[in-house]
Each structure stands twice: as C-alpha cells, then as structure tokens.
Amino acid sequence: MHTVEPGQPIAQKLKSLSFRNVDLLSCMHQKLFKILEERRTHNVGLESLIFQSCRAPSRTRKSDFEGLVKKVTWGNVVEIGSDSGETETEETDESDSDGF
C-alpha cells in the first residue's frame, strides 16, 4: 500500500474493503489509516471496511476507523502484542456483515 501522490487520482470506485485472516501489523495499520484519511479528505471515503478473523495490535480498535469509513465491521479480531502475553477477542454481531 502507498499513499497517493499529489495530482495522482484516487480509486474513486472502491466502496468496500475487506480483510479476512490477516495480521494487521502496526506499520500496515498506520499506512491503512493514512490512506483512509486521504480518501476522506478527497471526499471518496469507503462505504464499508471489514475486519474478520484478523490479528491486530492491542492498541488497534474499531473506533480508530469509524471516523474514516461509514460502516466498520469488526468480527473475531484477536489482539496481539499485549504486555501480558494473552490475547483477547472482540466480536461484533455478524448480522451487520455485508457477506463479502
């Protein structure tokens, strides 16, 4: 992933983005966040963002993305990198998933 250079068109037709069974590492999280911020700034924000059965840094939360995307689905996301060494799972109701 890379951020858009000035004057470079943004993929305006992209409406939904899904991540399934992916490790959302800290550097990837930061790049994704910056891209979503740019899209919102240029009025081409995503309709939905789905994280399903992924692993994410313990400081990553659904609320990080809610201001950047209209609908965020956050299901069965496992926290990695916590100080205690334990993992936690945050689940949401599956009925709000688009089925992508």
PDB file of N, CA and C in Angstrom:
ATOM      1  N   MET A   1       0.834  -1.176   0.000  1.00  0.00           N
ATOM      2  CA  MET A   1       0.000   0.000   0.000  1.00  0.00           C
ATOM      3  C   MET A   1       0.878   1.239   0.000  1.00  0.00           C
ATOM      4  N   HIS A   2       0.417   2.259  -0.658  1.00  0.00           N
ATOM      5  CA  HIS A   2       1.106   3.539  -0.621  1.00  0.00           C
ATOM      6  C   HIS A   2       0.088   4.660  -0.625  1.00  0.00           C
ATOM      7  N   THR A   3       0.528   5.801  -0.141  1.00  0.00           N
ATOM      8  CA  THR A   3      -0.374   6.936  -0.138  1.00  0.00           C
ATOM      9  C   THR A   3      -0.344   7.597  -1.507  1.00  0.00           C
ATOM     10  N   VAL A   4      -1.346   8.346  -1.799  1.00  0.00           N
ATOM     11  CA  VAL A   4      -1.484   8.979  -3.105  1.00  0.00           C
ATOM     12  C   VAL A   4      -0.585  10.202  -3.180  1.00  0.00           C
ATOM     13  N   GLU A   5       0.117  10.311  -4.281  1.00  0.00           N
ATOM     14  CA  GLU A   5       0.957  11.481  -4.530  1.00  0.00           C
ATOM     15  C   GLU A   5       0.051  12.625  -4.991  1.00  0.00           C
ATOM     16  N   PRO A   6       0.436  13.864  -4.750  1.00  0.00           N
ATOM     17  CA  PRO A   6      -0.374  14.992  -5.228  1.00  0.00           C
ATOM     18  C   PRO A   6      -0.587  14.896  -6.742  1.00  0.00           C
ATOM     19  N   GLY A   7      -1.812  15.104  -7.169  1.00  0.00           N
ATOM     20  CA  GLY A   7      -2.134  15.038  -8.580  1.00  0.00           C
ATOM     21  C   GLY A   7      -2.456  13.648  -9.095  1.00  0.00           C
ATOM     22  N   GLN A   8      -2.198  12.619  -8.305  1.00  0.00           N
ATOM     23  CA  GLN A   8      -2.500  11.244  -8.714  1.00  0.00           C
ATOM     24  C   GLN A   8      -3.948  10.933  -8.346  1.00  0.00           C
ATOM     25  N   PRO A   9      -4.724  10.367  -9.290  1.00  0.00           N
ATOM     26  CA  PRO A   9      -6.130  10.071  -8.984  1.00  0.00           C
ATOM     27  C   PRO A   9      -6.276   8.983  -7.925  1.00  0.00           C
ATOM     28  N   ILE A  10      -7.302   9.116  -7.105  1.00  0.00           N
ATOM     29  CA  ILE A  10      -7.628   8.131  -6.083  1.00  0.00           C
ATOM     30  C   ILE A  10      -8.640   7.167  -6.677  1.00  0.00           C
ATOM     31  N   ALA A  11      -8.568   5.904  -6.325  1.00  0.00           N
ATOM     32  CA  ALA A  11      -9.508   4.886  -6.835  1.00  0.00           C
ATOM     33  C   ALA A  11     -10.906   5.202  -6.311  1.00  0.00           C
ATOM     34  N   GLN A  12     -11.618   6.049  -7.038  1.00  0.00           N
ATOM     35  CA  GLN A  12     -12.910   6.537  -6.582  1.00  0.00           C
ATOM     36  C   GLN A  12     -13.983   5.463  -6.554  1.00  0.00           C
ATOM     37  N   LYS A  13     -13.863   4.434  -7.379  1.00  0.00           N
ATOM     38  CA  LYS A  13     -14.899   3.409  -7.456  1.00  0.00           C
ATOM     39  C   LYS A  13     -14.827   2.412  -6.308  1.00  0.00           C
ATOM     40  N   LEU A  14     -13.739   2.393  -5.575  1.00  0.00           N
ATOM     41  CA  LEU A  14     -13.602   1.480  -4.448  1.00  0.00           C
ATOM     42  C   LEU A  14     -14.556   1.908  -3.336  1.00  0.00           C
ATOM     43  N   LYS A  15     -15.502   1.032  -2.993  1.00  0.00           N
ATOM     44  CA  LYS A  15     -16.502   1.358  -1.982  1.00  0.00           C
ATOM     45  C   LYS A  15     -16.375   0.526  -0.725  1.00  0.00           C
ATOM     46  N   SER A  16     -15.818  -0.695  -0.860  1.00  0.00           N
ATOM     47  CA  SER A  16     -15.731  -1.599   0.274  1.00  0.00           C
ATOM     48  C   SER A  16     -14.371  -2.285   0.269  1.00  0.00           C
ATOM     49  N   LEU A  17     -13.838  -2.497   1.460  1.00  0.00           N
ATOM     50  CA  LEU A  17     -12.554  -3.168   1.600  1.00  0.00           C
ATOM     51  C   LEU A  17     -12.666  -4.175   2.733  1.00  0.00           C
ATOM     52  N   SER A  18     -12.273  -5.428   2.462  1.00  0.00           N
ATOM     53  CA  SER A  18     -12.375  -6.496   3.464  1.00  0.00           C
ATOM     54  C   SER A  18     -11.014  -7.094   3.751  1.00  0.00           C
ATOM     55  N   PHE A  19     -10.763  -7.344   5.021  1.00  0.00           N
ATOM     56  CA  PHE A  19      -9.582  -8.066   5.464  1.00  0.00           C
ATOM     57  C   PHE A  19     -10.064  -9.285   6.226  1.00  0.00           C
ATOM     58  N   ARG A  20      -9.637 -10.454   5.793  1.00  0.00           N
ATOM     59  CA  ARG A  20     -10.001 -11.702   6.468  1.00  0.00           C
ATOM     60  C   ARG A  20      -8.745 -12.524   6.685  1.00  0.00           C
ATOM     61  N   ASN A  21      -8.582 -13.016   7.913  1.00  0.00           N
ATOM     62  CA  ASN A  21      -7.439 -13.867   8.263  1.00  0.00           C
ATOM     63  C   ASN A  21      -6.109 -13.190   7.942  1.00  0.00           C
ATOM     64  N   VAL A  22      -5.990 -11.927   8.331  1.00  0.00           N
ATOM     65  CA  VAL A  22      -4.787 -11.140   8.059  1.00  0.00           C
ATOM     66  C   VAL A  22      -4.209 -10.648   9.383  1.00  0.00           C
ATOM     67  N   ASP A  23      -2.879 -10.601   9.457  1.00  0.00           N
ATOM     68  CA  ASP A  23      -2.218  -9.968  10.591  1.00  0.00           C
ATOM     69  C   ASP A  23      -2.062  -8.486  10.253  1.00  0.00           C
ATOM     70  N   LEU A  24      -2.792  -7.654  10.945  1.00  0.00           N
ATOM     71  CA  LEU A  24      -2.749  -6.213  10.723  1.00  0.00           C
ATOM     72  C   LEU A  24      -1.639  -5.643  11.604  1.00  0.00           C
ATOM     73  N   LEU A  25      -0.418  -5.710  11.112  1.00  0.00           N
ATOM     74  CA  LEU A  25       0.728  -5.252  11.876  1.00  0.00           C
ATOM     75  C   LEU A  25       0.702  -3.739  12.031  1.00  0.00           C
ATOM     76  N   SER A  26       1.468  -3.245  12.973  1.00  0.00           N
ATOM     77  CA  SER A  26       1.456  -1.824  13.303  1.00  0.00           C
ATOM     78  C   SER A  26       1.745  -0.939  12.096  1.00  0.00           C
ATOM     79  N   CYS A  27       2.746  -1.303  11.292  1.00  0.00           N
ATOM     80  CA  CYS A  27       3.086  -0.460  10.132  1.00  0.00           C
ATOM     81  C   CYS A  27       1.960  -0.495   9.104  1.00  0.00           C
ATOM     82  N   MET A  28       1.325  -1.649   8.925  1.00  0.00           N
ATOM     83  CA  MET A  28       0.207  -1.750   7.991  1.00  0.00           C
ATOM     84  C   MET A  28      -0.981  -0.928   8.495  1.00  0.00           C
ATOM     85  N   HIS A  29      -1.227  -0.987   9.792  1.00  0.00           N
ATOM     86  CA  HIS A  29      -2.314  -0.216  10.400  1.00  0.00           C
ATOM     87  C   HIS A  29      -2.115   1.274  10.129  1.00  0.00           C
ATOM     88  N   GLN A  30      -0.905   1.766  10.325  1.00  0.00           N
ATOM     89  CA  GLN A  30      -0.621   3.187  10.114  1.00  0.00           C
ATOM     90  C   GLN A  30      -0.800   3.590   8.656  1.00  0.00           C
ATOM     91  N   LYS A  31      -0.337   2.753   7.718  1.00  0.00           N
ATOM     92  CA  LYS A  31      -0.484   3.062   6.294  1.00  0.00           C
ATOM     93  C   LYS A  31      -1.957   3.065   5.889  1.00  0.00           C
ATOM     94  N   LEU A  32      -2.698   2.068   6.361  1.00  0.00           N
ATOM     95  CA  LEU A  32      -4.121   2.000   6.052  1.00  0.00           C
ATOM     96  C   LEU A  32      -4.845   3.214   6.594  1.00  0.00           C
ATOM     97  N   PHE A  33      -4.527   3.602   7.815  1.00  0.00           N
ATOM     98  CA  PHE A  33      -5.141   4.768   8.433  1.00  0.00           C
ATOM     99  C   PHE A  33      -4.881   6.028   7.608  1.00  0.00           C
ATOM    100  N   LYS A  34      -3.639   6.218   7.152  1.00  0.00           N
ATOM    101  CA  LYS A  34      -3.292   7.398   6.347  1.00  0.00           C
ATOM    102  C   LYS A  34      -4.031   7.396   5.012  1.00  0.00           C
ATOM    103  N   ILE A  35      -4.135   6.235   4.376  1.00  0.00           N
ATOM    104  CA  ILE A  35      -4.851   6.136   3.101  1.00  0.00           C
ATOM    105  C   ILE A  35      -6.326   6.476   3.284  1.00  0.00           C
ATOM    106  N   LEU A  36      -6.925   5.937   4.342  1.00  0.00           N
ATOM    107  CA  LEU A  36      -8.339   6.216   4.601  1.00  0.00           C
ATOM    108  C   LEU A  36      -8.564   7.689   4.926  1.00  0.00           C
ATOM    109  N   GLU A  37      -7.614   8.293   5.620  1.00  0.00           N
ATOM    110  CA  GLU A  37      -7.689   9.733   5.911  1.00  0.00           C
ATOM    111  C   GLU A  37      -7.652  10.549   4.621  1.00  0.00           C
ATOM    112  N   GLU A  38      -6.747  10.190   3.719  1.00  0.00           N
ATOM    113  CA  GLU A  38      -6.638  10.891   2.437  1.00  0.00           C
ATOM    114  C   GLU A  38      -7.914  10.744   1.619  1.00  0.00           C
ATOM    115  N   ARG A  39      -8.460   9.530   1.595  1.00  0.00           N
ATOM    116  CA  ARG A  39      -9.699   9.298   0.841  1.00  0.00           C
ATOM    117  C   ARG A  39     -10.821  10.169   1.394  1.00  0.00           C
ATOM    118  N   ARG A  40     -10.923  10.228   2.721  1.00  0.00           N
ATOM    119  CA  ARG A  40     -11.960  11.062   3.335  1.00  0.00           C
ATOM    120  C   ARG A  40     -11.738  12.535   2.999  1.00  0.00           C
ATOM    121  N   THR A  41     -10.497  12.978   3.054  1.00  0.00           N
ATOM    122  CA  THR A  41     -10.157  14.362   2.732  1.00  0.00           C
ATOM    123  C   THR A  41     -10.564  14.724   1.310  1.00  0.00           C
ATOM    124  N   HIS A  42     -10.445  13.760   0.391  1.00  0.00           N
ATOM    125  CA  HIS A  42     -10.777  13.993  -1.020  1.00  0.00           C
ATOM    126  C   HIS A  42     -12.221  13.589  -1.343  1.00  0.00           C
ATOM    127  N   ASN A  43     -13.035  13.385  -0.312  1.00  0.00           N
ATOM    128  CA  ASN A  43     -14.455  13.030  -0.462  1.00  0.00           C
ATOM    129  C   ASN A  43     -14.693  11.757  -1.271  1.00  0.00           C
ATOM    130  N   VAL A  44     -13.820  10.782  -1.125  1.00  0.00           N
ATOM    131  CA  VAL A  44     -14.004   9.467  -1.757  1.00  0.00           C
ATOM    132  C   VAL A  44     -13.806   8.368  -0.707  1.00  0.00           C
ATOM    133  N   GLY A  45     -14.356   8.606   0.469  1.00  0.00           N
ATOM    134  CA  GLY A  45     -14.245   7.644   1.555  1.00  0.00           C
ATOM    135  C   GLY A  45     -14.948   6.334   1.222  1.00  0.00           C
ATOM    136  N   LEU A  46     -14.585   5.297   1.958  1.00  0.00           N
ATOM    137  CA  LEU A  46     -15.189   3.980   1.765  1.00  0.00           C
ATOM    138  C   LEU A  46     -16.569   3.912   2.399  1.00  0.00           C
ATOM    139  N   GLU A  47     -17.428   3.094   1.803  1.00  0.00           N
ATOM    140  CA  GLU A  47     -18.736   2.803   2.382  1.00  0.00           C
ATOM    141  C   GLU A  47     -18.579   1.831   3.549  1.00  0.00           C
ATOM    142  N   SER A  48     -17.746   0.778   3.356  1.00  0.00           N
ATOM    143  CA  SER A  48     -17.575  -0.192   4.439  1.00  0.00           C
ATOM    144  C   SER A  48     -16.156  -0.733   4.487  1.00  0.00           C
ATOM    145  N   LEU A  49     -15.749  -1.069   5.696  1.00  0.00           N
ATOM    146  CA  LEU A  49     -14.443  -1.665   5.969  1.00  0.00           C
ATOM    147  C   LEU A  49     -14.699  -2.849   6.887  1.00  0.00           C
ATOM    148  N   ILE A  50     -14.213  -4.023   6.493  1.00  0.00           N
ATOM    149  CA  ILE A  50     -14.490  -5.248   7.249  1.00  0.00           C
ATOM    150  C   ILE A  50     -13.180  -5.879   7.700  1.00  0.00           C
ATOM    151  N   PHE A  51     -13.099  -6.170   8.999  1.00  0.00           N
ATOM    152  CA  PHE A  51     -12.011  -6.946   9.567  1.00  0.00           C
ATOM    153  C   PHE A  51     -12.640  -8.191  10.168  1.00  0.00           C
ATOM    154  N   GLN A  52     -12.351  -9.351   9.608  1.00  0.00           N
ATOM    155  CA  GLN A  52     -12.949 -10.599  10.082  1.00  0.00           C
ATOM    156  C   GLN A  52     -11.845 -11.622  10.319  1.00  0.00           C
ATOM    157  N   SER A  53     -11.813 -12.178  11.517  1.00  0.00           N
ATOM    158  CA  SER A  53     -10.840 -13.210  11.891  1.00  0.00           C
ATOM    159  C   SER A  53      -9.410 -12.741  11.636  1.00  0.00           C
ATOM    160  N   CYS A  54      -9.112 -11.521  12.027  1.00  0.00           N
ATOM    161  CA  CYS A  54      -7.782 -10.941  11.850  1.00  0.00           C
ATOM    162  C   CYS A  54      -7.072 -10.846  13.195  1.00  0.00           C
ATOM    163  N   ARG A  55      -5.776 -10.576  13.134  1.00  0.00           N
ATOM    164  CA  ARG A  55      -4.987 -10.295  14.334  1.00  0.00           C
ATOM    165  C   ARG A  55      -4.490  -8.863  14.202  1.00  0.00           C
ATOM    166  N   ALA A  56      -4.647  -8.088  15.280  1.00  0.00           N
ATOM    167  CA  ALA A  56      -4.280  -6.676  15.245  1.00  0.00           C
ATOM    168  C   ALA A  56      -3.553  -6.302  16.531  1.00  0.00           C
ATOM    169  N   PRO A  57      -2.682  -5.277  16.478  1.00  0.00           N
ATOM    170  CA  PRO A  57      -2.019  -4.815  17.694  1.00  0.00           C
ATOM    171  C   PRO A  57      -3.035  -4.436  18.764  1.00  0.00           C
ATOM    172  N   SER A  58      -2.691  -4.636  20.018  1.00  0.00           N
ATOM    173  CA  SER A  58      -3.633  -4.420  21.118  1.00  0.00           C
ATOM    174  C   SER A  58      -4.169  -2.999  21.165  1.00  0.00           C
ATOM    175  N   ARG A  59      -3.450  -2.041  20.647  1.00  0.00           N
ATOM    176  CA  ARG A  59      -3.930  -0.655  20.678  1.00  0.00           C
ATOM    177  C   ARG A  59      -4.864  -0.326  19.512  1.00  0.00           C
ATOM    178  N   THR A  60      -5.023  -1.245  18.561  1.00  0.00           N
ATOM    179  CA  THR A  60      -5.901  -1.029  17.416  1.00  0.00           C
ATOM    180  C   THR A  60      -7.335  -1.328  17.819  1.00  0.00           C
ATOM    181  N   ARG A  61      -8.220  -0.407  17.524  1.00  0.00           N
ATOM    182  CA  ARG A  61      -9.632  -0.555  17.894  1.00  0.00           C
ATOM    183  C   ARG A  61     -10.518  -0.236  16.698  1.00  0.00           C
ATOM    184  N   LYS A  62     -11.711  -0.754  16.742  1.00  0.00           N
ATOM    185  CA  LYS A  62     -12.719  -0.460  15.728  1.00  0.00           C
ATOM    186  C   LYS A  62     -12.930   1.049  15.624  1.00  0.00           C
ATOM    187  N   SER A  63     -12.939   1.718  16.751  1.00  0.00           N
ATOM    188  CA  SER A  63     -13.188   3.165  16.772  1.00  0.00           C
ATOM    189  C   SER A  63     -12.112   3.956  16.023  1.00  0.00           C
ATOM    190  N   ASP A  64     -10.906   3.393  15.839  1.00  0.00           N
ATOM    191  CA  ASP A  64      -9.862   4.065  15.073  1.00  0.00           C
ATOM    192  C   ASP A  64     -10.331   4.363  13.651  1.00  0.00           C
ATOM    193  N   PHE A  65     -11.157   3.469  13.102  1.00  0.00           N
ATOM    194  CA  PHE A  65     -11.571   3.567  11.709  1.00  0.00           C
ATOM    195  C   PHE A  65     -12.969   4.163  11.532  1.00  0.00           C
ATOM    196  N   GLU A  66     -13.752   4.236  12.595  1.00  0.00           N
ATOM    197  CA  GLU A  66     -15.145   4.665  12.475  1.00  0.00           C
ATOM    198  C   GLU A  66     -15.305   6.085  11.963  1.00  0.00           C
ATOM    199  N   GLY A  67     -14.392   6.973  12.250  1.00  0.00           N
ATOM    200  CA  GLY A  67     -14.491   8.332  11.745  1.00  0.00           C
ATOM    201  C   GLY A  67     -14.058   8.479  10.295  1.00  0.00           C
ATOM    202  N   LEU A  68     -13.428   7.427   9.757  1.00  0.00           N
ATOM    203  CA  LEU A  68     -12.895   7.485   8.399  1.00  0.00           C
ATOM    204  C   LEU A  68     -13.737   6.735   7.380  1.00  0.00           C
ATOM    205  N   VAL A  69     -14.561   5.802   7.857  1.00  0.00           N
ATOM    206  CA  VAL A  69     -15.356   4.928   6.994  1.00  0.00           C
ATOM    207  C   VAL A  69     -16.785   4.932   7.517  1.00  0.00           C
ATOM    208  N   LYS A  70     -17.763   4.876   6.606  1.00  0.00           N
ATOM    209  CA  LYS A  70     -19.163   4.921   7.028  1.00  0.00           C
ATOM    210  C   LYS A  70     -19.548   3.740   7.907  1.00  0.00           C
ATOM    211  N   LYS A  71     -19.143   2.512   7.534  1.00  0.00           N
ATOM    212  CA  LYS A  71     -19.531   1.324   8.286  1.00  0.00           C
ATOM    213  C   LYS A  71     -18.306   0.438   8.504  1.00  0.00           C
ATOM    214  N   VAL A  72     -18.023   0.123   9.756  1.00  0.00           N
ATOM    215  CA  VAL A  72     -16.900  -0.747  10.098  1.00  0.00           C
ATOM    216  C   VAL A  72     -17.449  -2.011  10.739  1.00  0.00           C
ATOM    217  N   THR A  73     -17.058  -3.161  10.189  1.00  0.00           N
ATOM    218  CA  THR A  73     -17.414  -4.453  10.782  1.00  0.00           C
ATOM    219  C   THR A  73     -16.148  -5.030  11.383  1.00  0.00           C
ATOM    220  N   TRP A  74     -16.206  -5.360  12.651  1.00  0.00           N
ATOM    221  CA  TRP A  74     -15.037  -5.791  13.421  1.00  0.00           C
ATOM    222  C   TRP A  74     -15.406  -7.102  14.096  1.00  0.00           C
ATOM    223  N   GLY A  75     -15.133  -8.233  13.458  1.00  0.00           N
ATOM    224  CA  GLY A  75     -15.556  -9.513  13.999  1.00  0.00           C
ATOM    225  C   GLY A  75     -14.414 -10.471  14.236  1.00  0.00           C
ATOM    226  N   ASN A  76     -14.381 -11.025  15.445  1.00  0.00           N
ATOM    227  CA  ASN A  76     -13.394 -12.038  15.814  1.00  0.00           C
ATOM    228  C   ASN A  76     -11.968 -11.548  15.576  1.00  0.00           C
ATOM    229  N   VAL A  77     -11.680 -10.314  15.988  1.00  0.00           N
ATOM    230  CA  VAL A  77     -10.336  -9.754  15.862  1.00  0.00           C
ATOM    231  C   VAL A  77      -9.577 -10.057  17.139  1.00  0.00           C
ATOM    232  N   VAL A  78      -8.411 -10.683  16.995  1.00  0.00           N
ATOM    233  CA  VAL A  78      -7.585 -11.100  18.130  1.00  0.00           C
ATOM    234  C   VAL A  78      -6.476 -10.083  18.329  1.00  0.00           C
ATOM    235  N   GLU A  79      -6.305  -9.664  19.571  1.00  0.00           N
ATOM    236  CA  GLU A  79      -5.244  -8.712  19.893  1.00  0.00           C
ATOM    237  C   GLU A  79      -3.908  -9.436  19.991  1.00  0.00           C
ATOM    238  N   ILE A  80      -2.860  -8.816  19.410  1.00  0.00           N
ATOM    239  CA  ILE A  80      -1.508  -9.341  19.523  1.00  0.00           C
ATOM    240  C   ILE A  80      -0.606  -8.264  20.103  1.00  0.00           C
ATOM    241  N   GLY A  81       0.447  -8.691  20.750  1.00  0.00           N
ATOM    242  CA  GLY A  81       1.425  -7.746  21.264  1.00  0.00           C
ATOM    243  C   GLY A  81       1.064  -7.103  22.583  1.00  0.00           C
ATOM    244  N   SER A  82       0.143  -7.706  23.345  1.00  0.00           N
ATOM    245  CA  SER A  82      -0.192  -7.131  24.647  1.00  0.00           C
ATOM    246  C   SER A  82       0.935  -7.432  25.632  1.00  0.00           C
ATOM    247  N   ASP A  83       1.046  -6.620  26.663  1.00  0.00           N
ATOM    248  CA  ASP A  83       2.110  -6.791  27.653  1.00  0.00           C
ATOM    249  C   ASP A  83       1.975  -8.086  28.430  1.00  0.00           C
ATOM    250  N   SER A  84       0.756  -8.532  28.643  1.00  0.00           N
ATOM    251  CA  SER A  84       0.550  -9.730  29.449  1.00  0.00           C
ATOM    252  C   SER A  84       0.820 -11.012  28.679  1.00  0.00           C
ATOM    253  N   GLY A  85       0.922 -10.912  27.349  1.00  0.00           N
ATOM    254  CA  GLY A  85       1.158 -12.095  26.544  1.00  0.00           C
ATOM    255  C   GLY A  85      -0.106 -12.850  26.208  1.00  0.00           C
ATOM    256  N   GLU A  86      -1.241 -12.433  26.785  1.00  0.00           N
ATOM    257  CA  GLU A  86      -2.511 -13.071  26.482  1.00  0.00           C
ATOM    258  C   GLU A  86      -3.165 -12.367  25.321  1.00  0.00           C
ATOM    259  N   THR A  87      -4.042 -13.083  24.625  1.00  0.00           N
ATOM    260  CA  THR A  87      -4.787 -12.464  23.535  1.00  0.00           C
ATOM    261  C   THR A  87      -6.226 -12.315  23.944  1.00  0.00           C
ATOM    262  N   GLU A  88      -6.863 -11.292  23.403  1.00  0.00           N
ATOM    263  CA  GLU A  88      -8.270 -11.044  23.666  1.00  0.00           C
ATOM    264  C   GLU A  88      -8.987 -10.990  22.340  1.00  0.00           C
ATOM    265  N   THR A  89     -10.252 -11.305  22.363  1.00  0.00           N
ATOM    266  CA  THR A  89     -11.050 -11.280  21.149  1.00  0.00           C
ATOM    267  C   THR A  89     -12.199 -10.323  21.323  1.00  0.00           C
ATOM    268  N   GLU A  90     -12.394  -9.474  20.346  1.00  0.00           N
ATOM    269  CA  GLU A  90     -13.530  -8.562  20.348  1.00  0.00           C
ATOM    270  C   GLU A  90     -14.416  -8.980  19.194  1.00  0.00           C
ATOM    271  N   GLU A  91     -15.678  -9.266  19.486  1.00  0.00           N
ATOM    272  CA  GLU A  91     -16.585  -9.727  18.451  1.00  0.00           C
ATOM    273  C   GLU A  91     -17.750  -8.766  18.322  1.00  0.00           C
ATOM    274  N   THR A  92     -18.305  -8.723  17.127  1.00  0.00           N
ATOM    275  CA  THR A  92     -19.497  -7.939  16.882  1.00  0.00           C
ATOM    276  C   THR A  92     -20.565  -8.854  16.338  1.00  0.00           C
ATOM    277  N   ASP A  93     -21.780  -8.373  16.326  1.00  0.00           N
ATOM    278  CA  ASP A  93     -22.898  -9.139  15.792  1.00  0.00           C
ATOM    279  C   ASP A  93     -22.680  -9.367  14.301  1.00  0.00           C
ATOM    280  N   GLU A  94     -22.711 -10.611  13.874  1.00  0.00           N
ATOM    281  CA  GLU A  94     -22.469 -10.957  12.480  1.00  0.00           C
ATOM    282  C   GLU A  94     -23.583 -10.489  11.564  1.00  0.00           C
ATOM    283  N   SER A  95     -24.735 -10.110  12.109  1.00  0.00           N
ATOM    284  CA  SER A  95     -25.858  -9.728  11.262  1.00  0.00           C
ATOM    285  C   SER A  95     -25.613  -8.425  10.518  1.00  0.00           C
ATOM    286  N   ASP A  96     -24.614  -7.605  10.937  1.00  0.00           N
ATOM    287  CA  ASP A  96     -24.365  -6.372  10.219  1.00  0.00           C
ATOM    288  C   ASP A  96     -23.333  -6.550   9.112  1.00  0.00           C
ATOM    289  N   SER A  97     -22.853  -7.747   8.886  1.00  0.00           N
ATOM    290  CA  SER A  97     -21.894  -8.014   7.827  1.00  0.00           C
ATOM    291  C   SER A  97     -22.577  -8.026   6.472  1.00  0.00           C
ATOM    292  N   ASP A  98     -21.878  -7.535   5.469  1.00  0.00           N
ATOM    293  CA  ASP A  98     -22.398  -7.480   4.111  1.00  0.00           C
ATOM    294  C   ASP A  98     -22.349  -8.831   3.420  1.00  0.00           C
ATOM    295  N   GLY A  99     -21.615  -9.776   3.980  1.00  0.00           N
ATOM    296  CA  GLY A  99     -21.472 -11.079   3.374  1.00  0.00           C
ATOM    297  C   GLY A  99     -20.388 -11.137   2.310  1.00  0.00           C
ATOM    298  N   PHE A 100     -19.490 -10.143   2.304  1.00  0.00           N
ATOM    299  CA  PHE A 100     -18.397 -10.150   1.334  1.00  0.00           C
ATOM    300  C   PHE A 100     -17.386 -11.195   1.710  1.00  0.00           C
TER     301      PHE A 100
END
